[in-house]
Amino acid sequence: MKNARFRRQEQAFIVEGWKMADEALVRGLVKSLYLSERAEGEYTKR
């Protein structure tokens, strides 16, 4: 989130929210997902 040099080194960045996560998922770009406790049920429904 905070370090541009680290993002370039890892060739990775962070997106937040369902819309942006969807955009990345459909393009096969997601390396890992993080869900809060309260969002786990919504993810299961999806």
All heavy atoms as atom14 arrays in JSON, in Angstrom:
{
  "sequence": "MKNARFRRQEQAFIVEGWKMADEALVRGLVKSLYLSERAEGEYTKR",
  "atom14_mask": [
    [1, 1, 1, 1, 1, 1, 1, 1, 0, 0, 0, 0, 0, 0],
    [1, 1, 1, 1, 1, 1, 1, 1, 1, 0, 0, 0, 0, 0],
    [1, 1, 1, 1, 1, 1, 1, 1, 0, 0, 0, 0, 0, 0],
    [1, 1, 1, 1, 1, 0, 0, 0, 0, 0, 0, 0, 0, 0],
    [1, 1, 1, 1, 1, 1, 1, 1, 1, 1, 1, 0, 0, 0],
    [1, 1, 1, 1, 1, 1, 1, 1, 1, 1, 1, 0, 0, 0],
    [1, 1, 1, 1, 1, 1, 1, 1, 1, 1, 1, 0, 0, 0],
    [1, 1, 1, 1, 1, 1, 1, 1, 1, 1, 1, 0, 0, 0],
    [1, 1, 1, 1, 1, 1, 1, 1, 1, 0, 0, 0, 0, 0],
    [1, 1, 1, 1, 1, 1, 1, 1, 1, 0, 0, 0, 0, 0],
    [1, 1, 1, 1, 1, 1, 1, 1, 1, 0, 0, 0, 0, 0],
    [1, 1, 1, 1, 1, 0, 0, 0, 0, 0, 0, 0, 0, 0],
    [1, 1, 1, 1, 1, 1, 1, 1, 1, 1, 1, 0, 0, 0],
    [1, 1, 1, 1, 1, 1, 1, 1, 0, 0, 0, 0, 0, 0],
    [1, 1, 1, 1, 1, 1, 1, 0, 0, 0, 0, 0, 0, 0],
    [1, 1, 1, 1, 1, 1, 1, 1, 1, 0, 0, 0, 0, 0],
    [1, 1, 1, 1, 0, 0, 0, 0, 0, 0, 0, 0, 0, 0],
    [1, 1, 1, 1, 1, 1, 1, 1, 1, 1, 1, 1, 1, 1],
    [1, 1, 1, 1, 1, 1, 1, 1, 1, 0, 0, 0, 0, 0],
    [1, 1, 1, 1, 1, 1, 1, 1, 0, 0, 0, 0, 0, 0],
    [1, 1, 1, 1, 1, 0, 0, 0, 0, 0, 0, 0, 0, 0],
    [1, 1, 1, 1, 1, 1, 1, 1, 0, 0, 0, 0, 0, 0],
    [1, 1, 1, 1, 1, 1, 1, 1, 1, 0, 0, 0, 0, 0],
    [1, 1, 1, 1, 1, 0, 0, 0, 0, 0, 0, 0, 0, 0],
    [1, 1, 1, 1, 1, 1, 1, 1, 0, 0, 0, 0, 0, 0],
    [1, 1, 1, 1, 1, 1, 1, 0, 0, 0, 0, 0, 0, 0],
    [1, 1, 1, 1, 1, 1, 1, 1, 1, 1, 1, 0, 0, 0],
    [1, 1, 1, 1, 0, 0, 0, 0, 0, 0, 0, 0, 0, 0],
    [1, 1, 1, 1, 1, 1, 1, 1, 0, 0, 0, 0, 0, 0],
    [1, 1, 1, 1, 1, 1, 1, 0, 0, 0, 0, 0, 0, 0],
    [1, 1, 1, 1, 1, 1, 1, 1, 1, 0, 0, 0, 0, 0],
    [1, 1, 1, 1, 1, 1, 0, 0, 0, 0, 0, 0, 0, 0],
    [1, 1, 1, 1, 1, 1, 1, 1, 0, 0, 0, 0, 0, 0],
    [1, 1, 1, 1, 1, 1, 1, 1, 1, 1, 1, 1, 0, 0],
    [1, 1, 1, 1, 1, 1, 1, 1, 0, 0, 0, 0, 0, 0],
    [1, 1, 1, 1, 1, 1, 0, 0, 0, 0, 0, 0, 0, 0],
    [1, 1, 1, 1, 1, 1, 1, 1, 1, 0, 0, 0, 0, 0],
    [1, 1, 1, 1, 1, 1, 1, 1, 1, 1, 1, 0, 0, 0],
    [1, 1, 1, 1, 1, 0, 0, 0, 0, 0, 0, 0, 0, 0],
    [1, 1, 1, 1, 1, 1, 1, 1, 1, 0, 0, 0, 0, 0],
    [1, 1, 1, 1, 0, 0, 0, 0, 0, 0, 0, 0, 0, 0],
    [1, 1, 1, 1, 1, 1, 1, 1, 1, 0, 0, 0, 0, 0],
    [1, 1, 1, 1, 1, 1, 1, 1, 1, 1, 1, 1, 0, 0],
    [1, 1, 1, 1, 1, 1, 1, 0, 0, 0, 0, 0, 0, 0],
    [1, 1, 1, 1, 1, 1, 1, 1, 1, 0, 0, 0, 0, 0],
    [1, 1, 1, 1, 1, 1, 1, 1, 1, 1, 1, 0, 0, 0]
  ],
  "atom14_positions": [
    [[0.82, -1.2, 0.0], [0.0, 0.0, 0.0], [0.86, 1.27, 0.0], [0.58, 2.22, -0.71], [-0.91, 0.03, 1.24], [-2.05, -0.96, 1.22], [-3.48, -0.31, 0.35], [-4.76, -1.38, 1.03], [0.0, 0.0, 0.0], [0.0, 0.0, 0.0], [0.0, 0.0, 0.0], [0.0, 0.0, 0.0], [0.0, 0.0, 0.0], [0.0, 0.0, 0.0]],
    [[1.93, 1.24, 0.8], [2.65, 2.48, 1.11], [3.93, 2.69, 0.32], [4.42, 3.82, 0.21], [2.99, 2.51, 2.6], [1.77, 2.52, 3.51], [2.16, 2.39, 4.97], [0.93, 2.36, 5.87], [1.31, 2.18, 7.3], [0.0, 0.0, 0.0], [0.0, 0.0, 0.0], [0.0, 0.0, 0.0], [0.0, 0.0, 0.0], [0.0, 0.0, 0.0]],
    [[4.51, 1.63, -0.24], [5.85, 1.71, -0.79], [5.87, 1.44, -2.29], [5.74, 0.29, -2.73], [6.75, 0.71, -0.05], [8.22, 0.9, -0.34], [8.62, 1.1, -1.48], [9.04, 0.83, 0.7], [0.0, 0.0, 0.0], [0.0, 0.0, 0.0], [0.0, 0.0, 0.0], [0.0, 0.0, 0.0], [0.0, 0.0, 0.0], [0.0, 0.0, 0.0]],
    [[6.03, 2.5, -3.09], [6.02, 2.36, -4.55], [7.18, 1.5, -5.04], [7.03, 0.72, -5.98], [6.07, 3.74, -5.2], [0.0, 0.0, 0.0], [0.0, 0.0, 0.0], [0.0, 0.0, 0.0], [0.0, 0.0, 0.0], [0.0, 0.0, 0.0], [0.0, 0.0, 0.0], [0.0, 0.0, 0.0], [0.0, 0.0, 0.0], [0.0, 0.0, 0.0]],
    [[8.34, 1.66, -4.41], [9.5, 0.86, -4.82], [9.24, -0.62, -4.6], [9.59, -1.46, -5.43], [10.74, 1.29, -4.03], [12.0, 0.49, -4.39], [13.19, 0.99, -3.64], [13.56, 2.34, -4.04], [14.58, 3.03, -3.52], [15.33, 2.47, -2.58], [14.85, 4.24, -3.94], [0.0, 0.0, 0.0], [0.0, 0.0, 0.0], [0.0, 0.0, 0.0]],
    [[8.61, -0.97, -3.48], [8.29, -2.36, -3.19], [7.27, -2.88, -4.2], [7.36, -4.02, -4.66], [7.75, -2.49, -1.77], [7.53, -3.91, -1.31], [8.58, -4.82, -1.25], [6.25, -4.34, -0.96], [8.37, -6.13, -0.84], [6.03, -5.65, -0.55], [7.1, -6.55, -0.49], [0.0, 0.0, 0.0], [0.0, 0.0, 0.0], [0.0, 0.0, 0.0]],
    [[6.29, -2.05, -4.57], [5.32, -2.47, -5.59], [6.02, -2.79, -6.9], [5.71, -3.79, -7.55], [4.27, -1.36, -5.8], [3.3, -1.2, -4.66], [2.11, -0.34, -5.05], [2.42, 1.06, -5.28], [2.37, 2.01, -4.35], [2.04, 1.72, -3.11], [2.64, 3.26, -4.66], [0.0, 0.0, 0.0], [0.0, 0.0, 0.0], [0.0, 0.0, 0.0]],
    [[6.94, -1.93, -7.31], [7.66, -2.18, -8.56], [8.51, -3.44, -8.46], [8.58, -4.23, -9.41], [8.54, -0.97, -8.91], [7.76, 0.25, -9.37], [8.68, 1.29, -9.98], [9.6, 1.84, -9.01], [9.35, 2.89, -8.24], [8.19, 3.51, -8.3], [10.26, 3.35, -7.38], [0.0, 0.0, 0.0], [0.0, 0.0, 0.0], [0.0, 0.0, 0.0]],
    [[9.15, -3.64, -7.32], [9.98, -4.82, -7.1], [9.15, -6.1, -7.2], [9.57, -7.08, -7.82], [10.64, -4.72, -5.73], [11.44, -5.95, -5.32], [11.93, -5.82, -3.88], [12.42, -4.78, -3.47], [11.76, -6.88, -3.11], [0.0, 0.0, 0.0], [0.0, 0.0, 0.0], [0.0, 0.0, 0.0], [0.0, 0.0, 0.0], [0.0, 0.0, 0.0]],
    [[7.98, -6.08, -6.6], [7.11, -7.25, -6.57], [6.19, -7.33, -7.79], [5.54, -8.36, -8.0], [6.25, -7.23, -5.3], [7.05, -7.3, -4.01], [7.78, -8.63, -3.87], [7.1, -9.67, -3.91], [9.03, -8.6, -3.71], [0.0, 0.0, 0.0], [0.0, 0.0, 0.0], [0.0, 0.0, 0.0], [0.0, 0.0, 0.0], [0.0, 0.0, 0.0]],
    [[6.13, -6.25, -8.58], [5.21, -6.17, -9.72], [3.79, -6.5, -9.27], [3.05, -7.26, -9.93], [5.66, -7.1, -10.84], [6.89, -6.61, -11.61], [6.6, -5.32, -12.38], [5.86, -5.32, -13.37], [7.17, -4.21, -11.93], [0.0, 0.0, 0.0], [0.0, 0.0, 0.0], [0.0, 0.0, 0.0], [0.0, 0.0, 0.0], [0.0, 0.0, 0.0]],
    [[3.41, -5.93, -8.13], [2.1, -6.2, -7.54], [1.59, -4.95, -6.85], [2.36, -4.06, -6.47], [2.2, -7.36, -6.55], [0.0, 0.0, 0.0], [0.0, 0.0, 0.0], [0.0, 0.0, 0.0], [0.0, 0.0, 0.0], [0.0, 0.0, 0.0], [0.0, 0.0, 0.0], [0.0, 0.0, 0.0], [0.0, 0.0, 0.0], [0.0, 0.0, 0.0]],
    [[0.27, -4.87, -6.68], [-0.34, -3.75, -5.98], [-1.63, -4.24, -5.33], [-2.0, -5.42, -5.46], [-0.61, -2.59, -6.93], [-1.61, -2.87, -8.03], [-2.9, -2.33, -7.99], [-1.28, -3.67, -9.13], [-3.82, -2.58, -9.0], [-2.2, -3.92, -10.14], [-3.47, -3.37, -10.07], [0.0, 0.0, 0.0], [0.0, 0.0, 0.0], [0.0, 0.0, 0.0]],
    [[-2.31, -3.34, -4.61], [-3.49, -3.7, -3.85], [-4.73, -3.0, -4.4], [-4.69, -1.81, -4.72], [-3.33, -3.32, -2.36], [-2.08, -3.97, -1.76], [-4.58, -3.71, -1.55], [-2.06, -5.48, -1.83], [0.0, 0.0, 0.0], [0.0, 0.0, 0.0], [0.0, 0.0, 0.0], [0.0, 0.0, 0.0], [0.0, 0.0, 0.0], [0.0, 0.0, 0.0]],
    [[-5.82, -3.75, -4.53], [-7.12, -3.16, -4.85], [-8.08, -3.46, -3.71], [-7.96, -4.48, -3.04], [-7.7, -3.67, -6.19], [-6.74, -3.4, -7.34], [-8.03, -5.17, -6.11], [0.0, 0.0, 0.0], [0.0, 0.0, 0.0], [0.0, 0.0, 0.0], [0.0, 0.0, 0.0], [0.0, 0.0, 0.0], [0.0, 0.0, 0.0], [0.0, 0.0, 0.0]],
    [[-9.01, -2.54, -3.5], [-10.02, -2.7, -2.45], [-11.42, -2.65, -3.04], [-11.65, -1.96, -4.04], [-9.89, -1.6, -1.41], [-8.63, -1.66, -0.57], [-8.7, -0.68, 0.6], [-9.6, -0.81, 1.45], [-7.83, 0.22, 0.64], [0.0, 0.0, 0.0], [0.0, 0.0, 0.0], [0.0, 0.0, 0.0], [0.0, 0.0, 0.0], [0.0, 0.0, 0.0]],
    [[-12.35, -3.35, -2.4], [-13.75, -3.3, -2.8], [-14.12, -4.39, -3.79], [-13.27, -4.93, -4.51], [0.0, 0.0, 0.0], [0.0, 0.0, 0.0], [0.0, 0.0, 0.0], [0.0, 0.0, 0.0], [0.0, 0.0, 0.0], [0.0, 0.0, 0.0], [0.0, 0.0, 0.0], [0.0, 0.0, 0.0], [0.0, 0.0, 0.0], [0.0, 0.0, 0.0]],
    [[-15.41, -4.71, -3.84], [-15.9, -5.79, -4.7], [-15.7, -5.51, -6.18], [-15.3, -6.39, -6.94], [-17.39, -6.05, -4.41], [-17.64, -6.54, -3.02], [-18.15, -5.83, -1.97], [-17.39, -7.85, -2.51], [-18.22, -6.61, -0.84], [-17.77, -7.87, -1.15], [-16.88, -9.03, -3.08], [-17.65, -9.0, -0.35], [-16.76, -10.16, -2.28], [-17.14, -10.15, -0.93]],
    [[-15.96, -4.27, -6.6], [-15.85, -3.95, -8.04], [-14.42, -4.14, -8.54], [-14.19, -4.78, -9.57], [-16.32, -2.52, -8.31], [-16.11, -2.08, -9.76], [-16.62, -0.67, -10.02], [-16.2, -0.16, -11.39], [-16.47, -1.08, -12.5], [0.0, 0.0, 0.0], [0.0, 0.0, 0.0], [0.0, 0.0, 0.0], [0.0, 0.0, 0.0], [0.0, 0.0, 0.0]],
    [[-13.46, -3.56, -7.81], [-12.08, -3.65, -8.26], [-11.56, -5.08, -8.17], [-10.8, -5.54, -9.03], [-11.2, -2.71, -7.44], [-11.49, -1.23, -7.68], [-11.13, -0.7, -9.37], [-9.34, -0.63, -9.33], [0.0, 0.0, 0.0], [0.0, 0.0, 0.0], [0.0, 0.0, 0.0], [0.0, 0.0, 0.0], [0.0, 0.0, 0.0], [0.0, 0.0, 0.0]],
    [[-11.97, -5.8, -7.12], [-11.56, -7.21, -7.01], [-12.13, -8.02, -8.17], [-11.43, -8.88, -8.75], [-12.02, -7.78, -5.67], [0.0, 0.0, 0.0], [0.0, 0.0, 0.0], [0.0, 0.0, 0.0], [0.0, 0.0, 0.0], [0.0, 0.0, 0.0], [0.0, 0.0, 0.0], [0.0, 0.0, 0.0], [0.0, 0.0, 0.0], [0.0, 0.0, 0.0]],
    [[-13.39, -7.75, -8.53], [-14.0, -8.44, -9.68], [-13.21, -8.19, -10.96], [-12.96, -9.1, -11.76], [-15.45, -7.98, -9.88], [-16.4, -8.56, -8.85], [-15.98, -9.44, -8.07], [-17.57, -8.13, -8.83], [0.0, 0.0, 0.0], [0.0, 0.0, 0.0], [0.0, 0.0, 0.0], [0.0, 0.0, 0.0], [0.0, 0.0, 0.0], [0.0, 0.0, 0.0]],
    [[-12.84, -6.91, -11.18], [-12.1, -6.55, -12.39], [-10.8, -7.35, -12.48], [-10.41, -7.81, -13.56], [-11.77, -5.05, -12.37], [-12.97, -4.13, -12.5], [-13.39, -3.92, -13.94], [-12.79, -4.52, -14.84], [-14.33, -3.13, -14.16], [0.0, 0.0, 0.0], [0.0, 0.0, 0.0], [0.0, 0.0, 0.0], [0.0, 0.0, 0.0], [0.0, 0.0, 0.0]],
    [[-10.12, -7.5, -11.35], [-8.85, -8.22, -11.33], [-9.06, -9.72, -11.46], [-8.3, -10.42, -12.14], [-8.09, -7.89, -10.05], [0.0, 0.0, 0.0], [0.0, 0.0, 0.0], [0.0, 0.0, 0.0], [0.0, 0.0, 0.0], [0.0, 0.0, 0.0], [0.0, 0.0, 0.0], [0.0, 0.0, 0.0], [0.0, 0.0, 0.0], [0.0, 0.0, 0.0]],
    [[-10.11, -10.24, -10.83], [-10.38, -11.68, -10.88], [-10.69, -12.16, -12.29], [-10.17, -13.19, -12.73], [-11.55, -12.02, -9.94], [-11.22, -12.11, -8.45], [-12.51, -12.11, -7.63], [-10.39, -13.36, -8.15], [0.0, 0.0, 0.0], [0.0, 0.0, 0.0], [0.0, 0.0, 0.0], [0.0, 0.0, 0.0], [0.0, 0.0, 0.0], [0.0, 0.0, 0.0]],
    [[-11.53, -11.43, -13.0], [-11.92, -11.88, -14.35], [-10.74, -11.84, -15.31], [-10.77, -12.48, -16.36], [-13.1, -11.05, -14.91], [-14.33, -11.22, -14.05], [-12.74, -9.58, -15.06], [0.0, 0.0, 0.0], [0.0, 0.0, 0.0], [0.0, 0.0, 0.0], [0.0, 0.0, 0.0], [0.0, 0.0, 0.0], [0.0, 0.0, 0.0], [0.0, 0.0, 0.0]],
    [[-9.68, -11.08, -14.96], [-8.5, -11.01, -15.82], [-7.39, -11.95, -15.34], [-6.3, -11.95, -15.91], [-8.0, -9.57, -15.89], [-8.92, -8.67, -16.69], [-8.65, -7.19, -16.5], [-9.5, -6.41, -17.39], [-10.78, -6.16, -17.17], [-11.37, -6.61, -16.07], [-11.49, -5.43, -18.02], [0.0, 0.0, 0.0], [0.0, 0.0, 0.0], [0.0, 0.0, 0.0]],
    [[-7.66, -12.7, -14.3], [-6.67, -13.65, -13.8], [-5.45, -13.01, -13.19], [-4.36, -13.61, -13.19], [0.0, 0.0, 0.0], [0.0, 0.0, 0.0], [0.0, 0.0, 0.0], [0.0, 0.0, 0.0], [0.0, 0.0, 0.0], [0.0, 0.0, 0.0], [0.0, 0.0, 0.0], [0.0, 0.0, 0.0], [0.0, 0.0, 0.0], [0.0, 0.0, 0.0]],
    [[-5.6, -11.81, -12.63], [-4.46, -11.08, -12.08], [-4.34, -11.17, -10.57], [-3.35, -10.7, -10.0], [-4.56, -9.59, -12.48], [-4.44, -9.28, -13.97], [-4.72, -7.8, -14.22], [-3.05, -9.64, -14.48], [0.0, 0.0, 0.0], [0.0, 0.0, 0.0], [0.0, 0.0, 0.0], [0.0, 0.0, 0.0], [0.0, 0.0, 0.0], [0.0, 0.0, 0.0]],
    [[-5.33, -11.75, -9.9], [-5.32, -11.79, -8.44], [-4.34, -12.85, -7.93], [-4.4, -14.02, -8.33], [-6.73, -12.06, -7.88], [-6.68, -12.26, -6.36], [-7.66, -10.9, -8.21], [0.0, 0.0, 0.0], [0.0, 0.0, 0.0], [0.0, 0.0, 0.0], [0.0, 0.0, 0.0], [0.0, 0.0, 0.0], [0.0, 0.0, 0.0], [0.0, 0.0, 0.0]],
    [[-3.45, -12.43, -7.03], [-2.49, -13.35, -6.43], [-3.02, -13.91, -5.11], [-2.75, -15.06, -4.75], [-1.16, -12.62, -6.18], [-0.54, -12.07, -7.45], [0.73, -11.29, -7.16], [1.88, -12.21, -6.8], [3.16, -11.47, -6.71], [0.0, 0.0, 0.0], [0.0, 0.0, 0.0], [0.0, 0.0, 0.0], [0.0, 0.0, 0.0], [0.0, 0.0, 0.0]],
    [[-3.78, -13.09, -4.36], [-4.39, -13.56, -3.12], [-5.51, -12.6, -2.73], [-5.46, -11.41, -3.05], [-3.36, -13.67, -1.99], [-2.68, -12.45, -1.8], [0.0, 0.0, 0.0], [0.0, 0.0, 0.0], [0.0, 0.0, 0.0], [0.0, 0.0, 0.0], [0.0, 0.0, 0.0], [0.0, 0.0, 0.0], [0.0, 0.0, 0.0], [0.0, 0.0, 0.0]],
    [[-6.53, -13.15, -2.05], [-7.68, -12.38, -1.6], [-7.71, -12.34, -0.08], [-7.35, -13.33, 0.59], [-8.98, -13.01, -2.09], [-9.48, -12.69, -3.49], [-10.7, -13.56, -3.81], [-9.84, -11.22, -3.64], [0.0, 0.0, 0.0], [0.0, 0.0, 0.0], [0.0, 0.0, 0.0], [0.0, 0.0, 0.0], [0.0, 0.0, 0.0], [0.0, 0.0, 0.0]],
    [[-8.18, -11.22, 0.45], [-8.34, -11.07, 1.9], [-9.76, -10.6, 2.19], [-10.23, -9.6, 1.62], [-7.33, -10.06, 2.44], [-5.9, -10.52, 2.29], [-5.21, -10.35, 1.09], [-5.25, -11.17, 3.33], [-3.91, -10.8, 0.93], [-3.94, -11.63, 3.18], [-3.29, -11.44, 1.99], [-1.99, -11.9, 1.82], [0.0, 0.0, 0.0], [0.0, 0.0, 0.0]],
    [[-10.46, -11.35, 3.05], [-11.84, -11.04, 3.4], [-11.94, -10.77, 4.9], [-11.34, -11.5, 5.71], [-12.76, -12.22, 3.06], [-12.82, -12.69, 1.6], [-13.6, -13.99, 1.53], [-13.46, -11.63, 0.73], [0.0, 0.0, 0.0], [0.0, 0.0, 0.0], [0.0, 0.0, 0.0], [0.0, 0.0, 0.0], [0.0, 0.0, 0.0], [0.0, 0.0, 0.0]],
    [[-12.71, -9.76, 5.26], [-13.0, -9.56, 6.68], [-14.01, -10.61, 7.13], [-14.69, -11.24, 6.3], [-13.56, -8.15, 6.93], [-14.84, -8.03, 6.34], [0.0, 0.0, 0.0], [0.0, 0.0, 0.0], [0.0, 0.0, 0.0], [0.0, 0.0, 0.0], [0.0, 0.0, 0.0], [0.0, 0.0, 0.0], [0.0, 0.0, 0.0], [0.0, 0.0, 0.0]],
    [[-14.13, -10.79, 8.43], [-15.09, -11.76, 8.96], [-16.5, -11.51, 8.42], [-17.19, -12.43, 7.98], [-15.14, -11.67, 10.49], [-13.89, -12.13, 11.2], [-13.98, -11.88, 12.68], [-13.59, -10.77, 13.11], [-14.45, -12.78, 13.41], [0.0, 0.0, 0.0], [0.0, 0.0, 0.0], [0.0, 0.0, 0.0], [0.0, 0.0, 0.0], [0.0, 0.0, 0.0]],
    [[-16.92, -10.25, 8.45], [-18.3, -9.94, 8.05], [-18.52, -10.08, 6.54], [-19.66, -10.18, 6.09], [-18.69, -8.53, 8.51], [-17.9, -7.4, 7.88], [-18.34, -6.05, 8.42], [-17.55, -4.96, 7.87], [-17.78, -4.4, 6.7], [-18.79, -4.82, 5.95], [-17.02, -3.4, 6.26], [0.0, 0.0, 0.0], [0.0, 0.0, 0.0], [0.0, 0.0, 0.0]],
    [[-17.44, -10.09, 5.75], [-17.58, -10.21, 4.3], [-17.52, -11.66, 3.83], [-17.81, -11.94, 2.66], [-16.5, -9.4, 3.59], [0.0, 0.0, 0.0], [0.0, 0.0, 0.0], [0.0, 0.0, 0.0], [0.0, 0.0, 0.0], [0.0, 0.0, 0.0], [0.0, 0.0, 0.0], [0.0, 0.0, 0.0], [0.0, 0.0, 0.0], [0.0, 0.0, 0.0]],
    [[-17.18, -12.58, 4.72], [-17.02, -13.97, 4.32], [-18.33, -14.55, 3.77], [-18.35, -15.26, 2.77], [-16.54, -14.81, 5.5], [-16.19, -16.25, 5.13], [-15.64, -17.04, 6.3], [-15.58, -16.5, 7.42], [-15.26, -18.19, 6.08], [0.0, 0.0, 0.0], [0.0, 0.0, 0.0], [0.0, 0.0, 0.0], [0.0, 0.0, 0.0], [0.0, 0.0, 0.0]],
    [[-19.46, -14.21, 4.42], [-20.75, -14.71, 3.96], [-21.1, -14.19, 2.58], [-21.62, -14.94, 1.73], [0.0, 0.0, 0.0], [0.0, 0.0, 0.0], [0.0, 0.0, 0.0], [0.0, 0.0, 0.0], [0.0, 0.0, 0.0], [0.0, 0.0, 0.0], [0.0, 0.0, 0.0], [0.0, 0.0, 0.0], [0.0, 0.0, 0.0], [0.0, 0.0, 0.0]],
    [[-20.81, -12.93, 2.32], [-21.08, -12.34, 1.01], [-20.25, -13.04, -0.07], [-20.74, -13.31, -1.18], [-20.75, -10.84, 1.02], [-20.82, -10.12, -0.32], [-22.22, -10.09, -0.9], [-23.2, -10.25, -0.13], [-22.35, -9.89, -2.12], [0.0, 0.0, 0.0], [0.0, 0.0, 0.0], [0.0, 0.0, 0.0], [0.0, 0.0, 0.0], [0.0, 0.0, 0.0]],
    [[-19.01, -13.35, 0.26], [-18.14, -14.02, -0.7], [-18.69, -15.42, -1.05], [-18.68, -15.83, -2.21], [-16.73, -14.13, -0.14], [-15.72, -14.72, -1.11], [-15.24, -13.96, -2.17], [-15.25, -16.02, -0.95], [-14.31, -14.49, -3.06], [-14.33, -16.55, -1.83], [-13.86, -15.78, -2.89], [-12.96, -16.31, -3.77], [0.0, 0.0, 0.0], [0.0, 0.0, 0.0]],
    [[-19.18, -16.12, -0.03], [-19.76, -17.44, -0.24], [-20.98, -17.35, -1.16], [-21.16, -18.18, -2.07], [-20.16, -18.08, 1.1], [-18.99, -18.2, 1.92], [-20.77, -19.46, 0.89], [0.0, 0.0, 0.0], [0.0, 0.0, 0.0], [0.0, 0.0, 0.0], [0.0, 0.0, 0.0], [0.0, 0.0, 0.0], [0.0, 0.0, 0.0], [0.0, 0.0, 0.0]],
    [[-21.81, -16.34, -0.95], [-22.99, -16.14, -1.81], [-22.56, -15.89, -3.26], [-23.18, -16.38, -4.2], [-23.81, -14.96, -1.31], [-24.53, -15.2, -0.01], [-25.3, -13.95, 0.4], [-25.97, -14.12, 1.76], [-26.66, -12.88, 2.19], [0.0, 0.0, 0.0], [0.0, 0.0, 0.0], [0.0, 0.0, 0.0], [0.0, 0.0, 0.0], [0.0, 0.0, 0.0]],
    [[-21.49, -15.13, -3.43], [-21.01, -14.83, -4.78], [-20.51, -16.1, -5.47], [-20.72, -16.29, -6.66], [-19.9, -13.77, -4.72], [-20.4, -12.4, -4.28], [-19.24, -11.45, -3.99], [-18.56, -11.05, -5.2], [-18.93, -10.05, -5.99], [-20.01, -9.35, -5.69], [-18.25, -9.75, -7.07], [0.0, 0.0, 0.0], [0.0, 0.0, 0.0], [0.0, 0.0, 0.0]]
  ]
}
